[in-house]
N, C-alpha and C. Protein backbone atom coordinates (compact mmCIF):
# COMPACT_ATOMS: atom_id res chain seq x y z
N UNK A 1 -11.75 13.95 -10.71
CA UNK A 1 -11.73 15.03 -9.72
C UNK A 1 -10.30 15.54 -9.55
N UNK A 2 -10.15 16.86 -9.54
CA UNK A 2 -8.82 17.43 -9.41
C UNK A 2 -8.21 17.15 -8.04
N UNK A 3 -6.89 17.15 -8.01
CA UNK A 3 -6.15 16.94 -6.77
C UNK A 3 -5.77 18.31 -6.20
N UNK A 4 -6.36 18.66 -5.07
CA UNK A 4 -6.08 19.95 -4.45
C UNK A 4 -5.08 19.84 -3.30
N UNK A 5 -4.94 18.64 -2.76
CA UNK A 5 -4.00 18.42 -1.66
C UNK A 5 -3.35 17.06 -1.82
N UNK A 6 -2.08 16.98 -1.45
CA UNK A 6 -1.36 15.71 -1.44
C UNK A 6 -0.78 15.52 -0.05
N UNK A 7 -1.13 14.39 0.57
CA UNK A 7 -0.58 14.03 1.87
C UNK A 7 0.38 12.86 1.70
N UNK A 8 1.48 12.92 2.41
CA UNK A 8 2.51 11.89 2.33
C UNK A 8 2.66 11.16 3.66
N UNK A 9 2.77 9.85 3.58
CA UNK A 9 3.23 9.05 4.70
C UNK A 9 4.69 9.45 4.97
N UNK A 10 5.26 9.01 6.08
CA UNK A 10 6.63 9.40 6.42
C UNK A 10 7.63 8.26 6.17
N UNK A 11 7.55 7.19 6.97
CA UNK A 11 8.51 6.10 6.84
C UNK A 11 8.41 5.37 5.52
N UNK A 12 9.53 5.25 4.83
CA UNK A 12 9.67 4.60 3.52
C UNK A 12 8.90 5.30 2.41
N UNK A 13 8.36 6.47 2.70
CA UNK A 13 7.78 7.32 1.66
C UNK A 13 8.68 8.54 1.49
N UNK A 14 8.90 9.25 2.58
CA UNK A 14 9.82 10.39 2.57
C UNK A 14 11.15 10.04 3.25
N UNK A 15 11.08 9.17 4.25
CA UNK A 15 12.26 8.81 5.03
C UNK A 15 12.68 7.38 4.72
N UNK A 16 13.94 7.20 4.35
CA UNK A 16 14.52 5.87 4.13
C UNK A 16 14.85 5.28 5.50
N UNK A 17 14.18 4.19 5.85
CA UNK A 17 14.36 3.59 7.16
C UNK A 17 15.43 2.51 7.20
N UNK A 18 16.11 2.29 6.08
CA UNK A 18 17.12 1.24 6.03
C UNK A 18 18.21 1.41 7.07
N UNK A 19 18.78 2.60 7.16
CA UNK A 19 19.84 2.85 8.13
C UNK A 19 19.29 2.85 9.55
N UNK A 20 18.05 3.27 9.72
CA UNK A 20 17.42 3.27 11.05
C UNK A 20 17.33 1.84 11.58
N UNK A 21 16.87 0.92 10.72
CA UNK A 21 16.83 -0.49 11.12
C UNK A 21 18.23 -1.04 11.29
N UNK A 22 19.16 -0.58 10.46
CA UNK A 22 20.54 -1.03 10.59
C UNK A 22 21.12 -0.65 11.93
N UNK A 23 20.82 0.55 12.39
CA UNK A 23 21.32 0.99 13.70
C UNK A 23 20.70 0.17 14.83
N UNK A 24 19.44 -0.24 14.66
CA UNK A 24 18.84 -1.12 15.66
C UNK A 24 19.55 -2.47 15.66
N UNK A 25 19.86 -2.99 14.49
CA UNK A 25 20.58 -4.27 14.42
C UNK A 25 21.92 -4.16 15.14
N UNK A 26 22.64 -3.07 14.90
CA UNK A 26 23.92 -2.85 15.56
C UNK A 26 23.74 -2.82 17.08
N UNK A 27 22.72 -2.13 17.54
CA UNK A 27 22.47 -2.00 18.98
C UNK A 27 22.17 -3.36 19.61
N UNK A 28 21.44 -4.20 18.89
CA UNK A 28 21.07 -5.52 19.39
C UNK A 28 22.17 -6.55 19.19
N UNK A 29 23.24 -6.16 18.48
CA UNK A 29 24.34 -7.08 18.23
C UNK A 29 24.01 -8.15 17.22
N UNK A 30 23.16 -7.81 16.25
CA UNK A 30 22.72 -8.75 15.21
C UNK A 30 23.25 -8.27 13.86
N UNK A 31 23.81 -9.15 13.04
CA UNK A 31 24.24 -8.72 11.70
C UNK A 31 23.07 -8.05 10.96
N UNK A 32 23.36 -6.97 10.27
CA UNK A 32 22.29 -6.22 9.63
C UNK A 32 21.50 -7.05 8.64
N UNK A 33 22.19 -7.88 7.85
CA UNK A 33 21.44 -8.66 6.86
C UNK A 33 20.53 -9.68 7.53
N UNK A 34 20.93 -10.18 8.68
CA UNK A 34 20.09 -11.12 9.42
C UNK A 34 18.85 -10.42 9.96
N UNK A 35 19.05 -9.25 10.53
CA UNK A 35 17.94 -8.46 11.08
C UNK A 35 16.94 -8.13 9.98
N UNK A 36 17.43 -7.66 8.84
CA UNK A 36 16.53 -7.25 7.76
C UNK A 36 15.83 -8.45 7.12
N UNK A 37 16.52 -9.59 7.06
CA UNK A 37 15.88 -10.80 6.53
C UNK A 37 14.74 -11.24 7.44
N UNK A 38 14.98 -11.17 8.74
CA UNK A 38 13.93 -11.53 9.70
C UNK A 38 12.77 -10.55 9.61
N UNK A 39 13.06 -9.26 9.41
CA UNK A 39 12.00 -8.26 9.24
C UNK A 39 11.15 -8.61 8.03
N UNK A 40 11.79 -8.93 6.92
CA UNK A 40 11.04 -9.30 5.71
C UNK A 40 10.16 -10.52 5.93
N UNK A 41 10.68 -11.51 6.65
CA UNK A 41 9.92 -12.72 6.93
C UNK A 41 8.70 -12.40 7.79
N UNK A 42 8.87 -11.52 8.77
CA UNK A 42 7.73 -11.15 9.62
C UNK A 42 6.67 -10.39 8.82
N UNK A 43 7.12 -9.47 7.98
CA UNK A 43 6.16 -8.70 7.18
C UNK A 43 5.37 -9.60 6.25
N UNK A 44 6.03 -10.59 5.69
CA UNK A 44 5.37 -11.49 4.74
C UNK A 44 4.30 -12.35 5.40
N UNK A 45 4.39 -12.49 6.71
CA UNK A 45 3.41 -13.32 7.42
C UNK A 45 2.52 -12.51 8.35
N UNK A 46 2.48 -11.18 8.13
CA UNK A 46 1.59 -10.33 8.88
C UNK A 46 2.16 -9.74 10.16
N UNK A 47 3.45 -9.97 10.42
CA UNK A 47 4.08 -9.40 11.60
C UNK A 47 4.68 -8.05 11.31
N UNK A 48 5.56 -7.60 12.21
CA UNK A 48 6.18 -6.30 12.03
C UNK A 48 7.43 -6.16 12.86
N UNK A 49 7.94 -4.94 12.95
CA UNK A 49 9.19 -4.68 13.66
C UNK A 49 9.16 -5.14 15.12
N UNK A 50 8.04 -4.94 15.86
CA UNK A 50 8.04 -5.41 17.25
C UNK A 50 8.34 -6.90 17.38
N UNK A 51 7.89 -7.69 16.41
CA UNK A 51 8.15 -9.13 16.45
C UNK A 51 9.63 -9.42 16.23
N UNK A 52 10.28 -8.60 15.41
CA UNK A 52 11.72 -8.78 15.17
C UNK A 52 12.50 -8.45 16.43
N UNK A 53 12.16 -7.35 17.07
CA UNK A 53 12.84 -6.97 18.32
C UNK A 53 12.67 -8.06 19.38
N UNK A 54 11.45 -8.56 19.50
CA UNK A 54 11.18 -9.60 20.49
C UNK A 54 11.95 -10.88 20.18
N UNK A 55 12.10 -11.19 18.90
CA UNK A 55 12.82 -12.41 18.51
C UNK A 55 14.28 -12.35 18.94
N UNK A 56 14.90 -11.20 18.69
CA UNK A 56 16.32 -11.09 18.99
C UNK A 56 16.60 -10.71 20.45
N UNK A 57 15.62 -10.10 21.12
CA UNK A 57 15.78 -9.76 22.53
C UNK A 57 14.46 -10.00 23.24
N UNK A 58 14.22 -11.24 23.69
CA UNK A 58 12.96 -11.56 24.37
C UNK A 58 12.69 -10.60 25.53
N UNK A 59 11.44 -10.14 25.61
CA UNK A 59 11.09 -9.17 26.63
C UNK A 59 11.47 -7.76 26.26
N UNK A 60 11.71 -7.53 24.98
CA UNK A 60 12.15 -6.22 24.49
C UNK A 60 11.23 -5.11 24.98
N UNK A 61 11.82 -4.07 25.57
CA UNK A 61 11.08 -2.91 26.08
C UNK A 61 11.55 -1.70 25.29
N UNK A 62 10.71 -1.21 24.38
CA UNK A 62 11.13 -0.14 23.47
C UNK A 62 11.56 1.10 24.24
N UNK A 63 10.78 1.52 25.22
CA UNK A 63 11.12 2.74 25.96
C UNK A 63 12.48 2.61 26.66
N UNK A 64 12.71 1.45 27.27
CA UNK A 64 13.98 1.23 27.97
C UNK A 64 15.14 1.18 27.00
N UNK A 65 14.93 0.53 25.87
CA UNK A 65 16.00 0.43 24.88
C UNK A 65 16.32 1.80 24.28
N UNK A 66 15.30 2.59 24.03
CA UNK A 66 15.53 3.92 23.49
C UNK A 66 16.26 4.80 24.50
N UNK A 67 15.92 4.64 25.78
CA UNK A 67 16.62 5.39 26.82
C UNK A 67 18.09 4.97 26.86
N UNK A 68 18.34 3.68 26.71
CA UNK A 68 19.71 3.20 26.68
C UNK A 68 20.49 3.74 25.51
N UNK A 69 19.86 3.80 24.36
CA UNK A 69 20.52 4.35 23.19
C UNK A 69 20.80 5.84 23.37
N UNK A 70 19.85 6.54 23.96
CA UNK A 70 20.02 7.97 24.20
C UNK A 70 21.23 8.20 25.11
N UNK A 71 21.30 7.42 26.17
CA UNK A 71 22.41 7.56 27.12
C UNK A 71 23.75 7.22 26.48
N UNK A 72 23.72 6.34 25.50
CA UNK A 72 24.95 5.94 24.82
C UNK A 72 25.31 6.88 23.66
N UNK A 73 24.49 7.91 23.45
CA UNK A 73 24.76 8.84 22.36
C UNK A 73 24.37 8.30 21.00
N UNK A 74 23.44 7.34 21.00
CA UNK A 74 22.97 6.71 19.75
C UNK A 74 21.45 6.79 19.68
N UNK A 75 20.89 7.98 19.70
CA UNK A 75 19.43 8.12 19.78
C UNK A 75 18.72 7.53 18.57
N UNK A 76 17.52 7.02 18.82
CA UNK A 76 16.69 6.51 17.74
C UNK A 76 16.04 7.67 17.00
N UNK A 77 15.77 7.48 15.73
CA UNK A 77 15.10 8.53 14.97
C UNK A 77 15.75 8.72 13.61
N UNK A 78 15.39 9.83 12.95
CA UNK A 78 15.90 10.09 11.61
C UNK A 78 16.44 11.51 11.52
N UNK A 79 17.24 11.74 10.47
CA UNK A 79 17.82 13.05 10.24
C UNK A 79 17.96 13.31 8.76
N UNK A 80 18.64 14.37 8.36
CA UNK A 80 18.76 14.75 6.95
C UNK A 80 19.32 13.64 6.06
N UNK A 81 20.22 12.83 6.57
CA UNK A 81 20.82 11.77 5.76
C UNK A 81 19.84 10.65 5.45
N UNK A 82 18.73 10.59 6.18
CA UNK A 82 17.74 9.54 5.96
C UNK A 82 16.62 9.97 5.01
N UNK A 83 16.65 11.21 4.57
CA UNK A 83 15.62 11.69 3.64
C UNK A 83 15.86 11.12 2.25
N UNK A 84 14.83 10.55 1.65
CA UNK A 84 14.98 10.03 0.28
C UNK A 84 15.34 11.19 -0.65
N UNK A 85 16.25 10.97 -1.60
CA UNK A 85 16.72 12.05 -2.48
C UNK A 85 15.62 12.74 -3.29
N UNK A 86 14.52 12.03 -3.57
CA UNK A 86 13.46 12.62 -4.39
C UNK A 86 12.39 13.34 -3.58
N UNK A 87 12.50 13.30 -2.24
CA UNK A 87 11.43 13.85 -1.40
C UNK A 87 11.33 15.36 -1.49
N UNK A 88 12.44 16.05 -1.33
CA UNK A 88 12.39 17.51 -1.28
C UNK A 88 11.91 18.11 -2.60
N UNK A 89 12.43 17.61 -3.72
CA UNK A 89 12.03 18.18 -5.01
C UNK A 89 10.57 17.87 -5.31
N UNK A 90 10.08 16.72 -4.84
CA UNK A 90 8.67 16.37 -5.05
C UNK A 90 7.76 17.33 -4.30
N UNK A 91 8.02 17.54 -3.03
CA UNK A 91 7.19 18.45 -2.23
C UNK A 91 7.28 19.87 -2.76
N UNK A 92 8.48 20.26 -3.18
CA UNK A 92 8.66 21.61 -3.73
C UNK A 92 7.87 21.78 -5.02
N UNK A 93 7.93 20.77 -5.89
CA UNK A 93 7.22 20.84 -7.16
C UNK A 93 5.72 20.94 -6.99
N UNK A 94 5.18 20.21 -6.03
CA UNK A 94 3.73 20.29 -5.76
C UNK A 94 3.36 21.64 -5.16
N UNK A 95 4.20 22.12 -4.26
CA UNK A 95 3.94 23.42 -3.62
C UNK A 95 3.92 24.53 -4.67
N UNK A 96 4.81 24.45 -5.63
CA UNK A 96 4.88 25.48 -6.67
C UNK A 96 3.65 25.48 -7.57
N UNK A 97 2.93 24.35 -7.61
CA UNK A 97 1.68 24.28 -8.38
C UNK A 97 0.50 24.86 -7.61
N UNK A 98 0.72 25.20 -6.35
CA UNK A 98 -0.37 25.67 -5.51
C UNK A 98 -1.15 24.55 -4.85
N UNK A 99 -0.60 23.34 -4.89
CA UNK A 99 -1.24 22.19 -4.24
C UNK A 99 -0.90 22.22 -2.75
N UNK A 100 -1.88 21.96 -1.91
CA UNK A 100 -1.65 21.87 -0.47
C UNK A 100 -0.80 20.63 -0.22
N UNK A 101 0.29 20.78 0.53
CA UNK A 101 1.19 19.66 0.80
C UNK A 101 1.14 19.32 2.28
N UNK A 102 0.69 18.11 2.58
CA UNK A 102 0.64 17.65 3.96
C UNK A 102 1.51 16.42 4.15
N UNK A 103 1.99 16.25 5.34
CA UNK A 103 2.75 15.05 5.73
C UNK A 103 2.08 14.51 6.97
N UNK A 104 1.70 13.24 6.96
CA UNK A 104 1.00 12.68 8.11
C UNK A 104 1.27 11.18 8.17
N UNK A 105 1.85 10.74 9.28
CA UNK A 105 2.18 9.33 9.38
C UNK A 105 2.15 8.82 10.81
N UNK A 106 2.28 7.52 10.94
CA UNK A 106 2.35 6.88 12.26
C UNK A 106 3.77 7.03 12.79
N UNK A 107 3.94 7.97 13.69
CA UNK A 107 5.25 8.27 14.24
C UNK A 107 5.13 8.67 15.71
N UNK A 108 6.20 8.47 16.49
CA UNK A 108 6.20 8.93 17.88
C UNK A 108 6.30 10.44 17.94
N UNK A 109 5.98 11.01 19.08
CA UNK A 109 5.94 12.47 19.23
C UNK A 109 7.27 13.12 18.88
N UNK A 110 8.38 12.48 19.23
CA UNK A 110 9.70 13.09 18.97
C UNK A 110 9.97 13.31 17.49
N UNK A 111 9.23 12.59 16.61
CA UNK A 111 9.44 12.74 15.17
C UNK A 111 9.05 14.12 14.68
N UNK A 112 8.19 14.81 15.42
CA UNK A 112 7.77 16.16 14.99
C UNK A 112 8.97 17.09 14.90
N UNK A 113 9.82 17.10 15.92
CA UNK A 113 11.01 17.94 15.90
C UNK A 113 12.01 17.49 14.88
N UNK A 114 12.17 16.17 14.72
CA UNK A 114 13.11 15.64 13.74
C UNK A 114 12.68 16.02 12.33
N UNK A 115 11.37 15.97 12.08
CA UNK A 115 10.88 16.32 10.75
C UNK A 115 11.00 17.82 10.50
N UNK A 116 10.69 18.62 11.51
CA UNK A 116 10.79 20.08 11.35
C UNK A 116 12.21 20.49 10.99
N UNK A 117 13.19 19.77 11.54
CA UNK A 117 14.59 20.11 11.30
C UNK A 117 15.00 19.87 9.85
N UNK A 118 14.20 19.11 9.10
CA UNK A 118 14.52 18.85 7.70
C UNK A 118 14.21 20.05 6.81
N UNK A 119 13.34 20.95 7.27
CA UNK A 119 13.02 22.15 6.51
C UNK A 119 12.32 21.89 5.20
N UNK A 120 11.44 20.91 5.16
CA UNK A 120 10.72 20.59 3.93
C UNK A 120 9.53 21.54 3.74
N UNK A 121 9.17 21.82 2.48
CA UNK A 121 8.04 22.72 2.20
C UNK A 121 6.69 22.02 2.37
N UNK A 122 6.25 21.90 3.61
CA UNK A 122 4.98 21.25 3.90
C UNK A 122 4.06 22.22 4.64
N UNK A 123 2.79 22.22 4.27
CA UNK A 123 1.81 23.09 4.93
C UNK A 123 1.40 22.53 6.28
N UNK A 124 1.55 21.22 6.46
CA UNK A 124 1.13 20.57 7.70
C UNK A 124 1.96 19.32 7.92
N UNK A 125 2.34 19.08 9.16
CA UNK A 125 2.98 17.82 9.54
C UNK A 125 2.15 17.22 10.67
N UNK A 126 1.56 16.07 10.39
CA UNK A 126 0.73 15.39 11.38
C UNK A 126 1.44 14.15 11.91
N UNK A 127 1.55 14.05 13.22
CA UNK A 127 2.22 12.93 13.88
C UNK A 127 1.18 12.15 14.69
N UNK A 128 1.07 10.86 14.45
CA UNK A 128 -0.01 10.07 15.04
C UNK A 128 -0.05 10.16 16.56
N UNK A 129 1.10 10.09 17.22
CA UNK A 129 1.07 10.12 18.69
C UNK A 129 0.56 11.46 19.21
N UNK A 130 0.88 12.53 18.50
CA UNK A 130 0.39 13.84 18.90
C UNK A 130 -1.09 14.02 18.56
N UNK A 131 -1.53 13.40 17.47
CA UNK A 131 -2.94 13.47 17.10
C UNK A 131 -3.81 12.56 17.97
N UNK A 132 -3.21 11.54 18.54
CA UNK A 132 -3.98 10.59 19.34
C UNK A 132 -4.75 9.60 18.51
N UNK A 133 -4.34 9.41 17.26
CA UNK A 133 -4.98 8.44 16.37
C UNK A 133 -3.98 8.04 15.31
N UNK A 134 -4.01 6.78 14.89
CA UNK A 134 -3.05 6.34 13.90
C UNK A 134 -3.71 5.51 12.81
N UNK A 135 -3.03 5.43 11.68
CA UNK A 135 -3.52 4.61 10.56
C UNK A 135 -3.52 3.15 10.99
N UNK A 136 -4.49 2.38 10.49
CA UNK A 136 -5.46 2.68 9.43
C UNK A 136 -6.82 3.22 9.92
N UNK A 137 -6.90 3.73 11.12
CA UNK A 137 -8.16 4.27 11.65
C UNK A 137 -8.70 5.36 10.72
N UNK A 138 -9.97 5.27 10.33
CA UNK A 138 -10.55 6.31 9.48
C UNK A 138 -10.41 7.72 10.05
N UNK A 139 -10.38 7.82 11.38
CA UNK A 139 -10.26 9.14 12.01
C UNK A 139 -8.94 9.82 11.69
N UNK A 140 -7.93 9.03 11.38
CA UNK A 140 -6.65 9.61 10.97
C UNK A 140 -6.81 10.37 9.66
N UNK A 141 -7.50 9.75 8.72
CA UNK A 141 -7.71 10.38 7.42
C UNK A 141 -8.71 11.53 7.52
N UNK A 142 -9.66 11.39 8.44
CA UNK A 142 -10.59 12.50 8.68
C UNK A 142 -9.84 13.71 9.22
N UNK A 143 -8.84 13.47 10.05
CA UNK A 143 -8.05 14.56 10.60
C UNK A 143 -7.27 15.27 9.49
N UNK A 144 -6.72 14.50 8.55
CA UNK A 144 -6.02 15.10 7.42
C UNK A 144 -6.94 16.04 6.64
N UNK A 145 -8.14 15.54 6.35
CA UNK A 145 -9.10 16.35 5.58
C UNK A 145 -9.52 17.59 6.34
N UNK A 146 -9.72 17.43 7.65
CA UNK A 146 -10.15 18.57 8.46
C UNK A 146 -9.05 19.62 8.56
N UNK A 147 -7.81 19.20 8.65
CA UNK A 147 -6.70 20.13 8.80
C UNK A 147 -6.53 21.02 7.57
N UNK A 148 -6.75 20.44 6.39
CA UNK A 148 -6.57 21.23 5.17
C UNK A 148 -7.88 21.82 4.66
N UNK A 149 -9.01 21.39 5.25
CA UNK A 149 -10.33 21.89 4.87
C UNK A 149 -10.59 21.67 3.37
N UNK A 150 -10.25 20.48 2.91
CA UNK A 150 -10.47 20.09 1.51
C UNK A 150 -11.25 18.79 1.50
N UNK A 151 -12.19 18.65 0.59
CA UNK A 151 -13.01 17.44 0.51
C UNK A 151 -12.12 16.22 0.26
N UNK A 152 -12.41 15.08 0.90
CA UNK A 152 -11.59 13.88 0.75
C UNK A 152 -11.34 13.49 -0.71
N UNK A 153 -12.34 13.65 -1.57
CA UNK A 153 -12.19 13.26 -2.96
C UNK A 153 -11.15 14.05 -3.73
N UNK A 154 -10.75 15.21 -3.18
CA UNK A 154 -9.74 16.04 -3.83
C UNK A 154 -8.38 15.93 -3.16
N UNK A 155 -8.26 14.94 -2.25
CA UNK A 155 -7.00 14.72 -1.54
C UNK A 155 -6.37 13.42 -2.05
N UNK A 156 -5.09 13.47 -2.35
CA UNK A 156 -4.32 12.29 -2.74
C UNK A 156 -3.43 11.91 -1.56
N UNK A 157 -3.57 10.67 -1.09
CA UNK A 157 -2.70 10.19 -0.02
C UNK A 157 -1.66 9.25 -0.63
N UNK A 158 -0.39 9.50 -0.33
CA UNK A 158 0.72 8.76 -0.92
C UNK A 158 1.41 7.94 0.16
N UNK A 159 1.53 6.64 -0.06
CA UNK A 159 2.20 5.80 0.94
C UNK A 159 2.72 4.51 0.35
N UNK A 160 3.55 3.83 1.13
CA UNK A 160 4.21 2.60 0.68
C UNK A 160 3.51 1.34 1.16
N UNK A 161 2.46 1.49 1.98
CA UNK A 161 1.79 0.32 2.52
C UNK A 161 0.35 0.24 2.01
N UNK A 162 -0.02 -0.96 1.57
CA UNK A 162 -1.39 -1.18 1.10
C UNK A 162 -2.35 -1.20 2.29
N UNK A 163 -1.92 -1.86 3.38
CA UNK A 163 -2.82 -2.00 4.54
C UNK A 163 -3.03 -0.70 5.30
N UNK A 164 -1.98 0.08 5.47
CA UNK A 164 -2.08 1.30 6.29
C UNK A 164 -2.36 2.56 5.48
N UNK A 165 -2.05 2.55 4.20
CA UNK A 165 -2.15 3.75 3.38
C UNK A 165 -3.22 3.65 2.30
N UNK A 166 -3.04 2.71 1.39
CA UNK A 166 -3.92 2.64 0.22
C UNK A 166 -5.36 2.29 0.58
N UNK A 167 -5.56 1.15 1.22
CA UNK A 167 -6.93 0.72 1.49
C UNK A 167 -7.70 1.71 2.36
N UNK A 168 -7.15 2.16 3.49
CA UNK A 168 -7.93 3.08 4.33
C UNK A 168 -8.15 4.44 3.69
N UNK A 169 -7.19 4.93 2.89
CA UNK A 169 -7.40 6.21 2.20
C UNK A 169 -8.55 6.09 1.21
N UNK A 170 -8.54 5.02 0.44
CA UNK A 170 -9.62 4.80 -0.53
C UNK A 170 -10.97 4.62 0.18
N UNK A 171 -10.96 3.89 1.30
CA UNK A 171 -12.20 3.65 2.03
C UNK A 171 -12.77 4.96 2.58
N UNK A 172 -11.90 5.92 2.88
CA UNK A 172 -12.37 7.20 3.40
C UNK A 172 -12.84 8.13 2.28
N UNK A 173 -12.60 7.73 1.03
CA UNK A 173 -13.04 8.54 -0.10
C UNK A 173 -11.96 9.40 -0.71
N UNK A 174 -10.72 9.19 -0.27
CA UNK A 174 -9.60 9.92 -0.87
C UNK A 174 -9.10 9.20 -2.11
N UNK A 175 -8.31 9.90 -2.90
CA UNK A 175 -7.55 9.26 -3.96
C UNK A 175 -6.27 8.72 -3.31
N UNK A 176 -5.67 7.72 -3.92
CA UNK A 176 -4.48 7.11 -3.33
C UNK A 176 -3.40 6.90 -4.37
N UNK A 177 -2.16 7.01 -3.93
CA UNK A 177 -1.00 6.68 -4.76
C UNK A 177 -0.16 5.69 -3.98
N UNK A 178 0.14 4.57 -4.59
CA UNK A 178 0.96 3.54 -3.96
C UNK A 178 2.40 3.70 -4.41
N UNK A 179 3.31 3.80 -3.44
CA UNK A 179 4.74 3.95 -3.72
C UNK A 179 5.42 2.62 -3.45
N UNK A 180 5.92 2.00 -4.52
CA UNK A 180 6.51 0.67 -4.38
C UNK A 180 7.99 0.78 -4.02
N UNK A 181 8.25 1.07 -2.75
CA UNK A 181 9.62 1.03 -2.24
C UNK A 181 9.59 0.73 -0.75
N UNK A 182 10.73 0.35 -0.23
CA UNK A 182 10.78 -0.12 1.15
C UNK A 182 10.24 -1.53 1.24
N UNK A 183 10.45 -2.21 2.36
CA UNK A 183 10.04 -3.62 2.47
C UNK A 183 8.54 -3.84 2.29
N UNK A 184 7.69 -3.00 2.91
CA UNK A 184 6.24 -3.18 2.75
C UNK A 184 5.84 -3.00 1.29
N UNK A 185 6.44 -2.05 0.61
CA UNK A 185 6.08 -1.76 -0.77
C UNK A 185 6.36 -2.89 -1.72
N UNK A 186 7.31 -3.75 -1.35
CA UNK A 186 7.67 -4.87 -2.23
C UNK A 186 7.12 -6.20 -1.76
N UNK A 187 6.66 -6.26 -0.52
CA UNK A 187 6.13 -7.51 0.01
C UNK A 187 4.61 -7.58 -0.09
N UNK A 188 3.93 -6.48 0.23
CA UNK A 188 2.47 -6.52 0.23
C UNK A 188 1.91 -6.55 -1.19
N UNK A 189 0.81 -7.27 -1.36
CA UNK A 189 0.16 -7.41 -2.66
C UNK A 189 -1.36 -7.31 -2.51
N UNK A 190 -1.97 -6.55 -3.39
CA UNK A 190 -3.43 -6.47 -3.47
C UNK A 190 -3.75 -5.80 -4.80
N UNK A 191 -3.86 -6.61 -5.84
CA UNK A 191 -4.06 -6.07 -7.19
C UNK A 191 -5.35 -5.26 -7.30
N UNK A 192 -6.38 -5.69 -6.59
CA UNK A 192 -7.66 -4.98 -6.66
C UNK A 192 -7.52 -3.57 -6.09
N UNK A 193 -6.80 -3.45 -4.98
CA UNK A 193 -6.61 -2.13 -4.38
C UNK A 193 -5.74 -1.26 -5.27
N UNK A 194 -4.70 -1.83 -5.83
CA UNK A 194 -3.81 -1.03 -6.69
C UNK A 194 -4.52 -0.57 -7.94
N UNK A 195 -5.47 -1.36 -8.43
CA UNK A 195 -6.21 -0.97 -9.62
C UNK A 195 -7.06 0.27 -9.37
N UNK A 196 -7.36 0.55 -8.11
CA UNK A 196 -8.17 1.71 -7.76
C UNK A 196 -7.32 2.94 -7.45
N UNK A 197 -5.99 2.76 -7.43
CA UNK A 197 -5.11 3.88 -7.13
C UNK A 197 -5.05 4.86 -8.29
N UNK A 198 -4.93 6.13 -7.98
CA UNK A 198 -4.73 7.14 -9.02
C UNK A 198 -3.38 6.93 -9.69
N UNK A 199 -2.36 6.65 -8.88
CA UNK A 199 -1.02 6.40 -9.41
C UNK A 199 -0.38 5.23 -8.66
N UNK A 200 0.45 4.47 -9.38
CA UNK A 200 1.34 3.50 -8.77
C UNK A 200 2.74 3.96 -9.14
N UNK A 201 3.57 4.23 -8.14
CA UNK A 201 4.84 4.92 -8.35
C UNK A 201 6.03 4.04 -7.97
N UNK A 202 7.11 4.21 -8.70
CA UNK A 202 8.37 3.58 -8.34
C UNK A 202 9.21 4.52 -7.48
N UNK A 203 8.96 5.81 -7.61
CA UNK A 203 9.62 6.83 -6.80
C UNK A 203 8.74 8.08 -6.82
N UNK A 204 9.23 9.16 -6.22
CA UNK A 204 8.44 10.39 -6.15
C UNK A 204 8.83 11.42 -7.19
N UNK A 205 9.85 11.11 -7.99
CA UNK A 205 10.43 12.12 -8.88
C UNK A 205 9.42 12.76 -9.83
N UNK A 206 8.56 11.95 -10.44
CA UNK A 206 7.64 12.52 -11.44
C UNK A 206 6.23 12.75 -10.91
N UNK A 207 6.03 12.63 -9.59
CA UNK A 207 4.68 12.85 -9.06
C UNK A 207 4.17 14.25 -9.33
N UNK A 208 4.96 15.33 -9.16
CA UNK A 208 4.42 16.65 -9.47
C UNK A 208 3.92 16.77 -10.91
N UNK A 209 4.68 16.22 -11.85
CA UNK A 209 4.25 16.27 -13.26
C UNK A 209 2.99 15.47 -13.49
N UNK A 210 2.86 14.34 -12.83
CA UNK A 210 1.68 13.52 -13.00
C UNK A 210 0.45 14.17 -12.38
N UNK A 211 0.63 14.83 -11.25
CA UNK A 211 -0.48 15.58 -10.64
C UNK A 211 -0.90 16.71 -11.54
N UNK A 212 0.08 17.44 -12.09
CA UNK A 212 -0.22 18.55 -12.98
C UNK A 212 -0.97 18.08 -14.22
N UNK A 213 -0.54 16.96 -14.80
CA UNK A 213 -1.19 16.42 -15.99
C UNK A 213 -2.62 15.99 -15.67
N UNK A 214 -2.80 15.36 -14.53
CA UNK A 214 -4.16 14.94 -14.12
C UNK A 214 -5.06 16.13 -13.94
N UNK A 215 -4.54 17.18 -13.29
CA UNK A 215 -5.37 18.37 -13.03
C UNK A 215 -5.68 19.15 -14.28
N UNK A 216 -4.88 18.94 -15.33
CA UNK A 216 -5.12 19.65 -16.60
C UNK A 216 -6.14 18.95 -17.48
N UNK A 217 -6.49 17.74 -17.12
CA UNK A 217 -7.45 16.97 -17.95
C UNK A 217 -8.85 17.57 -17.88
């Protein structure tokens, strides 16, 4: 089935979160390599960033900490320097083929403005907090399909997580591309799920060419 739309996850797919986590480590007064090592250990055992924050600051309150960072002139979030180098050319290449380009990920509401400021060629930007639903809920993927008005089987969802991106996209009837980068991309394993992916990618650089080749078959 041809690919008529490509949707991208945000964190560790389009946005490099390494410096974002590094800034959190600095704020908490923890060496960056220690913070990131603890993050990897939590991910490997089914945990996540909230567990890391709680470990280094018991009783961690995200809203309060973010307010503190804002007041200190160190706001949480991402900007142009956090965009992966291959992201813009990938989205541009797909857009030039006439493929619908969507971006949809689990992000707080403030990410909408941060993403808009990047000026990427996307037909849609979906933010989970604004949508009121987040991955891996099937309704998140249903919202993607509804927004572009394209059948799920003709939509390719691209992400770095097997649990939040690959498995639920496939379960909803979409095609999936697994991007092996970022901590989740290198820690999570599910050979059966990856075998069902349309593409397994090391980066986004050649995705437009691979989509074009697939659609020409």
